[in-house]
Amino acid sequence: MSRPDVVIYHNPACGTSRNTLALLREKGVEPTVVEYLKTGWTREQLQDLADRSGGGVRGLLRERGTRAAELGLTDPAASNEAIIAAMILDPILVNRPIVATAKGAALCRPAEQVLTLL
């Protein structure tokens, strides 16, 4: 069943992202799939996901395999505004997959985390 109220911010090159999407489909949910590396982000989207996930902007930051440290984003003094601006310029800085439903949003690492949102 298609569920436009379930959105996965997906990177098809990421195994955890693929596993999360497969788990949703296994549960009978066909989410809206947003390949964020192609579509990019807006400030409003990122702030909304950060707020709804409860982990804040830093909770969405991908450090491994990115330039986050080099850009100073891992420094505790880095502002949320600076982190969001960097994520908009370089979408790979956003960790994945993020799933959003009516129950909230979560970084689904491990993939089974998505079950808390259904």
C-alpha atoms as a PDB file:
ATOM      1  CA  MET A   1       0.000   0.000   0.000  1.00  0.00           C
ATOM      2  CA  SER A   2       1.340   3.398  -0.941  1.00  0.00           C
ATOM      3  CA  ARG A   3       1.848   5.672   2.048  1.00  0.00           C
ATOM      4  CA  PRO A   4       2.555   9.255   1.025  1.00  0.00           C
ATOM      5  CA  ASP A   5       2.799  10.025   4.746  1.00  0.00           C
ATOM      6  CA  VAL A   6       5.985   7.924   4.951  1.00  0.00           C
ATOM      7  CA  VAL A   7       9.055   9.540   3.404  1.00  0.00           C
ATOM      8  CA  ILE A   8      12.526   8.032   3.226  1.00  0.00           C
ATOM      9  CA  TYR A   9      15.458  10.303   2.480  1.00  0.00           C
ATOM     10  CA  HIS A  10      17.459   7.705   0.634  1.00  0.00           C
ATOM     11  CA  ASN A  11      20.926   7.138  -0.783  1.00  0.00           C
ATOM     12  CA  PRO A  12      20.814   4.056  -3.017  1.00  0.00           C
ATOM     13  CA  ALA A  13      24.602   3.629  -2.645  1.00  0.00           C
ATOM     14  CA  CYS A  14      24.196   3.062   1.128  1.00  0.00           C
ATOM     15  CA  GLY A  15      23.521  -0.478   2.351  1.00  0.00           C
ATOM     16  CA  THR A  16      21.663   0.699   5.469  1.00  0.00           C
ATOM     17  CA  SER A  17      19.483   2.950   3.341  1.00  0.00           C
ATOM     18  CA  ARG A  18      18.682   0.082   0.963  1.00  0.00           C
ATOM     19  CA  ASN A  19      17.939  -2.220   3.918  1.00  0.00           C
ATOM     20  CA  THR A  20      15.605   0.358   5.478  1.00  0.00           C
ATOM     21  CA  LEU A  21      13.697   0.805   2.229  1.00  0.00           C
ATOM     22  CA  ALA A  22      13.435  -2.995   1.854  1.00  0.00           C
ATOM     23  CA  LEU A  23      12.173  -3.306   5.442  1.00  0.00           C
ATOM     24  CA  LEU A  24       9.472  -0.692   4.810  1.00  0.00           C
ATOM     25  CA  ARG A  25       8.360  -2.551   1.696  1.00  0.00           C
ATOM     26  CA  GLU A  26       8.458  -5.871   3.564  1.00  0.00           C
ATOM     27  CA  LYS A  27       6.002  -4.309   6.047  1.00  0.00           C
ATOM     28  CA  GLY A  28       3.691  -3.375   3.181  1.00  0.00           C
ATOM     29  CA  VAL A  29       4.617   0.305   3.119  1.00  0.00           C
ATOM     30  CA  GLU A  30       5.535   1.980  -0.154  1.00  0.00           C
ATOM     31  CA  PRO A  31       7.092   5.252   0.968  1.00  0.00           C
ATOM     32  CA  THR A  32       7.817   8.389  -0.959  1.00  0.00           C
ATOM     33  CA  VAL A  33      11.504   8.009  -1.825  1.00  0.00           C
ATOM     34  CA  VAL A  34      13.601  11.168  -1.913  1.00  0.00           C
ATOM     35  CA  GLU A  35      17.105  10.705  -3.291  1.00  0.00           C
ATOM     36  CA  TYR A  36      18.489  13.695  -1.440  1.00  0.00           C
ATOM     37  CA  LEU A  37      21.870  13.625  -3.188  1.00  0.00           C
ATOM     38  CA  LYS A  38      19.973  14.476  -6.392  1.00  0.00           C
ATOM     39  CA  THR A  39      17.293  16.792  -4.973  1.00  0.00           C
ATOM     40  CA  GLY A  40      19.331  18.553  -2.307  1.00  0.00           C
ATOM     41  CA  TRP A  41      17.993  20.056   0.905  1.00  0.00           C
ATOM     42  CA  THR A  42      16.322  23.216   2.087  1.00  0.00           C
ATOM     43  CA  ARG A  43      16.966  24.876   5.432  1.00  0.00           C
ATOM     44  CA  GLU A  44      13.323  24.262   6.360  1.00  0.00           C
ATOM     45  CA  GLN A  45      13.495  20.530   5.561  1.00  0.00           C
ATOM     46  CA  LEU A  46      16.627  19.989   7.606  1.00  0.00           C
ATOM     47  CA  GLN A  47      15.403  22.004  10.579  1.00  0.00           C
ATOM     48  CA  ASP A  48      12.059  20.172  10.519  1.00  0.00           C
ATOM     49  CA  LEU A  49      13.738  16.748  10.429  1.00  0.00           C
ATOM     50  CA  ALA A  50      16.162  17.774  13.185  1.00  0.00           C
ATOM     51  CA  ASP A  51      13.277  18.962  15.362  1.00  0.00           C
ATOM     52  CA  ARG A  52      11.052  15.948  14.686  1.00  0.00           C
ATOM     53  CA  SER A  53      13.841  13.446  15.299  1.00  0.00           C
ATOM     54  CA  GLY A  54      14.670  14.895  18.698  1.00  0.00           C
ATOM     55  CA  GLY A  55      18.374  14.592  17.906  1.00  0.00           C
ATOM     56  CA  GLY A  56      18.876  18.130  16.696  1.00  0.00           C
ATOM     57  CA  VAL A  57      20.907  19.232  13.722  1.00  0.00           C
ATOM     58  CA  ARG A  58      24.067  17.504  14.975  1.00  0.00           C
ATOM     59  CA  GLY A  59      22.120  14.249  15.111  1.00  0.00           C
ATOM     60  CA  LEU A  60      21.733  14.416  11.332  1.00  0.00           C
ATOM     61  CA  LEU A  61      25.394  15.179  10.595  1.00  0.00           C
ATOM     62  CA  ARG A  62      27.358  12.454   8.858  1.00  0.00           C
ATOM     63  CA  GLU A  63      30.978  12.538   9.941  1.00  0.00           C
ATOM     64  CA  ARG A  64      32.384   9.298   8.539  1.00  0.00           C
ATOM     65  CA  GLY A  65      33.535   9.568   4.932  1.00  0.00           C
ATOM     66  CA  THR A  66      32.785  13.290   4.700  1.00  0.00           C
ATOM     67  CA  ARG A  67      34.594  16.589   5.137  1.00  0.00           C
ATOM     68  CA  ALA A  68      32.644  17.400   8.335  1.00  0.00           C
ATOM     69  CA  ALA A  69      35.721  17.562  10.584  1.00  0.00           C
ATOM     70  CA  GLU A  70      37.772  19.423   7.990  1.00  0.00           C
ATOM     71  CA  LEU A  71      34.980  22.000   7.700  1.00  0.00           C
ATOM     72  CA  GLY A  72      34.895  22.445  11.481  1.00  0.00           C
ATOM     73  CA  LEU A  73      31.379  21.024  11.767  1.00  0.00           C
ATOM     74  CA  THR A  74      32.331  18.510  14.467  1.00  0.00           C
ATOM     75  CA  ASP A  75      33.639  21.305  16.689  1.00  0.00           C
ATOM     76  CA  PRO A  76      31.224  21.820  19.611  1.00  0.00           C
ATOM     77  CA  ALA A  77      31.360  25.555  18.830  1.00  0.00           C
ATOM     78  CA  ALA A  78      29.950  25.037  15.307  1.00  0.00           C
ATOM     79  CA  SER A  79      26.486  26.561  15.156  1.00  0.00           C
ATOM     80  CA  ASN A  80      23.388  24.770  13.922  1.00  0.00           C
ATOM     81  CA  GLU A  81      23.134  27.432  11.220  1.00  0.00           C
ATOM     82  CA  ALA A  82      26.671  26.641   9.996  1.00  0.00           C
ATOM     83  CA  ILE A  83      25.964  22.908   9.976  1.00  0.00           C
ATOM     84  CA  ILE A  84      22.707  23.344   8.054  1.00  0.00           C
ATOM     85  CA  ALA A  85      24.364  25.698   5.551  1.00  0.00           C
ATOM     86  CA  ALA A  86      27.104  23.118   4.933  1.00  0.00           C
ATOM     87  CA  MET A  87      24.515  20.332   4.519  1.00  0.00           C
ATOM     88  CA  ILE A  88      22.680  22.395   1.910  1.00  0.00           C
ATOM     89  CA  LEU A  89      25.915  22.991  -0.019  1.00  0.00           C
ATOM     90  CA  ASP A  90      27.073  19.359   0.309  1.00  0.00           C
ATOM     91  CA  PRO A  91      24.151  16.942   0.851  1.00  0.00           C
ATOM     92  CA  ILE A  92      26.505  14.020   1.610  1.00  0.00           C
ATOM     93  CA  LEU A  93      26.997  15.654   5.033  1.00  0.00           C
ATOM     94  CA  VAL A  94      23.508  14.452   6.007  1.00  0.00           C
ATOM     95  CA  ASN A  95      23.463  11.002   7.549  1.00  0.00           C
ATOM     96  CA  ARG A  96      21.107   8.433   6.089  1.00  0.00           C
ATOM     97  CA  PRO A  97      18.585   7.087   5.840  1.00  0.00           C
ATOM     98  CA  ILE A  98      16.152   9.436   7.503  1.00  0.00           C
ATOM     99  CA  VAL A  99      12.525   8.329   7.610  1.00  0.00           C
ATOM    100  CA  ALA A 100       9.673  10.685   8.437  1.00  0.00           C
ATOM    101  CA  THR A 101       6.113   9.646   9.319  1.00  0.00           C
ATOM    102  CA  ALA A 102       3.224  11.114  11.274  1.00  0.00           C
ATOM    103  CA  LYS A 103       4.931   9.732  14.410  1.00  0.00           C
ATOM    104  CA  GLY A 104       8.107  11.741  13.860  1.00  0.00           C
ATOM    105  CA  ALA A 105      11.421  11.360  12.093  1.00  0.00           C
ATOM    106  CA  ALA A 106      14.465   9.225  12.780  1.00  0.00           C
ATOM    107  CA  LEU A 107      17.884   8.418  11.486  1.00  0.00           C
ATOM    108  CA  CYS A 108      17.346   4.720  10.814  1.00  0.00           C
ATOM    109  CA  ARG A 109      20.709   3.267  11.751  1.00  0.00           C
ATOM    110  CA  PRO A 110      20.238   0.369  12.222  1.00  0.00           C
ATOM    111  CA  ALA A 111      17.464  -0.170   9.678  1.00  0.00           C
ATOM    112  CA  GLU A 112      15.163  -1.701  12.326  1.00  0.00           C
ATOM    113  CA  GLN A 113      14.857   1.766  13.877  1.00  0.00           C
ATOM    114  CA  VAL A 114      12.229   2.465  11.200  1.00  0.00           C
ATOM    115  CA  LEU A 115       9.803   0.106  12.972  1.00  0.00           C
ATOM    116  CA  THR A 116       9.373   2.667  15.762  1.00  0.00           C
ATOM    117  CA  LEU A 117       7.893   5.084  13.218  1.00  0.00           C
ATOM    118  CA  LEU A 118       5.233   2.788  11.770  1.00  0.00           C
END
